[in-house]
N, C-alpha and C. Protein backbone atom coordinates (compact mmCIF):
# COMPACT_ATOMS: atom_id res chain seq x y z
N MET A 1 -12.78 79.44 49.15
CA MET A 1 -13.79 80.16 48.41
C MET A 1 -15.18 79.59 48.69
N GLU A 2 -15.23 78.32 48.99
CA GLU A 2 -16.53 77.71 49.26
C GLU A 2 -17.02 77.99 50.68
N HIS A 3 -16.11 78.43 51.55
CA HIS A 3 -16.47 78.69 52.95
C HIS A 3 -15.91 80.04 53.38
N PRO A 4 -16.43 81.14 52.84
CA PRO A 4 -15.85 82.45 53.13
C PRO A 4 -15.88 82.84 54.60
N VAL A 5 -16.91 82.49 55.32
CA VAL A 5 -16.97 82.83 56.75
C VAL A 5 -15.87 82.12 57.51
N PHE A 6 -15.64 80.87 57.16
CA PHE A 6 -14.56 80.09 57.77
C PHE A 6 -13.21 80.71 57.43
N ALA A 7 -13.02 81.08 56.17
CA ALA A 7 -11.75 81.64 55.71
C ALA A 7 -11.43 82.97 56.40
N GLU A 8 -12.44 83.73 56.76
CA GLU A 8 -12.22 85.01 57.44
C GLU A 8 -11.52 84.84 58.78
N LYS A 9 -11.61 83.66 59.36
CA LYS A 9 -11.00 83.39 60.67
C LYS A 9 -9.50 83.12 60.56
N ILE A 10 -8.98 82.97 59.35
CA ILE A 10 -7.58 82.64 59.13
C ILE A 10 -6.78 83.93 58.94
N PRO A 11 -5.86 84.23 59.85
CA PRO A 11 -5.08 85.46 59.71
C PRO A 11 -4.12 85.40 58.52
N LEU A 12 -3.86 86.55 57.92
CA LEU A 12 -2.89 86.61 56.83
C LEU A 12 -1.54 86.10 57.29
N GLY A 13 -0.89 85.33 56.46
CA GLY A 13 0.44 84.81 56.78
C GLY A 13 0.43 83.55 57.62
N ALA A 14 -0.74 83.08 58.00
CA ALA A 14 -0.80 81.87 58.83
C ALA A 14 -0.51 80.64 57.98
N THR A 15 0.10 79.66 58.62
CA THR A 15 0.28 78.35 58.00
C THR A 15 -0.90 77.50 58.42
N VAL A 16 -1.62 76.97 57.44
CA VAL A 16 -2.81 76.17 57.72
C VAL A 16 -2.45 74.70 57.51
N VAL A 17 -2.73 73.89 58.51
CA VAL A 17 -2.39 72.47 58.48
C VAL A 17 -3.67 71.65 58.60
N LEU A 18 -3.98 70.90 57.55
CA LEU A 18 -5.14 70.01 57.61
C LEU A 18 -4.79 68.79 58.44
N GLN A 19 -5.71 68.40 59.29
CA GLN A 19 -5.57 67.21 60.09
C GLN A 19 -6.80 66.35 59.82
N LEU A 20 -6.57 65.20 59.20
CA LEU A 20 -7.66 64.33 58.77
C LEU A 20 -7.95 63.27 59.82
N GLU A 21 -9.21 63.14 60.16
CA GLU A 21 -9.62 62.15 61.15
C GLU A 21 -9.20 60.75 60.70
N GLY A 22 -8.49 60.02 61.59
CA GLY A 22 -8.09 58.65 61.30
C GLY A 22 -6.85 58.51 60.43
N GLU A 23 -6.18 59.61 60.11
CA GLU A 23 -4.99 59.57 59.24
C GLU A 23 -3.77 60.03 60.04
N ASP A 24 -3.38 59.25 61.03
CA ASP A 24 -2.32 59.65 61.95
C ASP A 24 -0.98 59.91 61.25
N ALA A 25 -0.62 59.06 60.32
CA ALA A 25 0.67 59.23 59.63
C ALA A 25 0.67 60.54 58.82
N PHE A 26 -0.41 60.80 58.10
CA PHE A 26 -0.51 62.04 57.34
C PHE A 26 -0.48 63.24 58.27
N ASN A 27 -1.22 63.18 59.36
CA ASN A 27 -1.29 64.31 60.29
C ASN A 27 0.08 64.63 60.88
N LYS A 28 0.83 63.61 61.25
CA LYS A 28 2.18 63.81 61.78
C LYS A 28 3.07 64.45 60.72
N TRP A 29 3.01 63.94 59.49
CA TRP A 29 3.80 64.49 58.38
C TRP A 29 3.43 65.95 58.12
N ALA A 30 2.13 66.26 58.10
CA ALA A 30 1.68 67.63 57.82
C ALA A 30 2.16 68.59 58.90
N ARG A 31 2.12 68.18 60.16
CA ARG A 31 2.63 69.05 61.25
C ARG A 31 4.12 69.28 61.12
N LYS A 32 4.86 68.23 60.75
CA LYS A 32 6.31 68.36 60.58
C LYS A 32 6.63 69.34 59.45
N ILE A 33 5.99 69.18 58.30
CA ILE A 33 6.24 70.05 57.15
C ILE A 33 5.87 71.49 57.50
N ALA A 34 4.76 71.68 58.17
CA ALA A 34 4.34 73.03 58.55
C ALA A 34 5.37 73.69 59.45
N GLY A 35 5.90 72.95 60.39
CA GLY A 35 6.92 73.50 61.28
C GLY A 35 8.18 73.90 60.55
N LEU A 36 8.53 73.14 59.52
CA LEU A 36 9.73 73.45 58.74
C LEU A 36 9.57 74.66 57.85
N HIS A 37 8.35 74.92 57.40
CA HIS A 37 8.13 75.96 56.39
C HIS A 37 7.46 77.23 56.91
N ARG A 38 7.10 77.26 58.16
CA ARG A 38 6.44 78.47 58.67
C ARG A 38 7.47 79.57 58.85
N GLY A 39 7.02 80.78 58.69
CA GLY A 39 7.89 81.94 58.90
C GLY A 39 7.96 82.28 60.38
N LYS A 40 8.96 83.07 60.71
CA LYS A 40 9.12 83.48 62.10
C LYS A 40 7.90 84.27 62.55
N ASP A 41 7.40 83.95 63.70
CA ASP A 41 6.25 84.61 64.31
C ASP A 41 4.95 84.42 63.53
N GLU A 42 4.90 83.51 62.58
CA GLU A 42 3.66 83.22 61.88
C GLU A 42 2.90 82.14 62.65
N PRO A 43 1.61 82.33 62.83
CA PRO A 43 0.85 81.30 63.55
C PRO A 43 0.63 80.06 62.69
N ILE A 44 0.49 78.94 63.36
CA ILE A 44 0.10 77.70 62.69
C ILE A 44 -1.31 77.38 63.15
N LEU A 45 -2.21 77.18 62.20
CA LEU A 45 -3.59 76.84 62.51
C LEU A 45 -3.84 75.40 62.08
N PHE A 46 -4.43 74.63 62.97
CA PHE A 46 -4.76 73.24 62.67
C PHE A 46 -6.25 73.16 62.36
N VAL A 47 -6.57 72.62 61.20
CA VAL A 47 -7.96 72.47 60.78
C VAL A 47 -8.29 70.99 60.81
N GLN A 48 -9.15 70.61 61.74
CA GLN A 48 -9.56 69.22 61.87
C GLN A 48 -10.72 68.96 60.91
N VAL A 49 -10.58 67.94 60.07
CA VAL A 49 -11.65 67.60 59.13
C VAL A 49 -11.96 66.11 59.20
N LYS A 50 -13.19 65.78 58.91
CA LYS A 50 -13.62 64.38 58.93
C LYS A 50 -13.08 63.61 57.73
N GLY A 51 -12.83 64.31 56.63
CA GLY A 51 -12.34 63.67 55.41
C GLY A 51 -12.33 64.66 54.27
N LEU A 52 -11.99 64.17 53.11
CA LEU A 52 -11.93 65.00 51.92
C LEU A 52 -12.83 64.41 50.84
N ARG A 53 -13.48 65.27 50.11
CA ARG A 53 -14.24 64.82 48.94
C ARG A 53 -13.26 64.58 47.81
N PRO A 54 -13.66 63.78 46.83
CA PRO A 54 -12.77 63.58 45.67
C PRO A 54 -12.50 64.92 44.99
N PRO A 55 -11.27 65.12 44.50
CA PRO A 55 -10.95 66.38 43.84
C PRO A 55 -11.75 66.52 42.55
N LYS A 56 -12.06 67.76 42.23
CA LYS A 56 -12.75 68.06 40.98
C LYS A 56 -11.85 68.95 40.16
N SER A 57 -11.75 68.66 38.92
CA SER A 57 -10.96 69.48 38.03
C SER A 57 -11.88 70.34 37.18
N ARG A 58 -11.46 71.55 36.95
CA ARG A 58 -12.22 72.44 36.08
C ARG A 58 -11.66 72.41 34.66
N LEU A 59 -10.65 71.60 34.43
CA LEU A 59 -10.05 71.51 33.10
C LEU A 59 -10.97 70.73 32.17
N ILE A 60 -11.01 71.14 30.92
CA ILE A 60 -11.81 70.44 29.92
C ILE A 60 -10.86 69.77 28.92
N ARG A 61 -10.90 68.47 28.86
CA ARG A 61 -10.07 67.66 27.95
C ARG A 61 -8.60 68.10 27.92
N PRO A 62 -7.91 68.05 29.04
CA PRO A 62 -6.51 68.46 29.04
C PRO A 62 -5.64 67.50 28.21
N VAL A 63 -4.63 68.04 27.57
CA VAL A 63 -3.68 67.28 26.75
C VAL A 63 -2.27 67.68 27.17
N ILE A 64 -1.39 66.71 27.37
CA ILE A 64 0.00 66.99 27.73
C ILE A 64 0.85 66.90 26.48
N ALA A 65 1.71 67.91 26.28
CA ALA A 65 2.61 67.92 25.13
C ALA A 65 4.02 68.16 25.64
N ARG A 66 4.97 67.44 25.07
CA ARG A 66 6.38 67.63 25.45
C ARG A 66 7.00 68.69 24.57
N SER A 67 7.93 69.43 25.15
CA SER A 67 8.64 70.41 24.33
C SER A 67 9.68 69.69 23.48
N ALA A 68 10.04 70.30 22.36
CA ALA A 68 11.00 69.69 21.43
C ALA A 68 12.41 69.77 21.96
């Protein structure tokens, strides 16, 4: 949503695999998982990124409650 022009380049049904610079173990794991979960004839797209920003939550004062 933050990069609509970039997102337009991703075909429907494609498996998108993030590849983080300097994170070889994660990158190998992500490629393996993508290969296991992709559908037949679905493309796999690799997105190379320099890193990730800290996640932001839009939740306001979340509270966890257990069911009885």
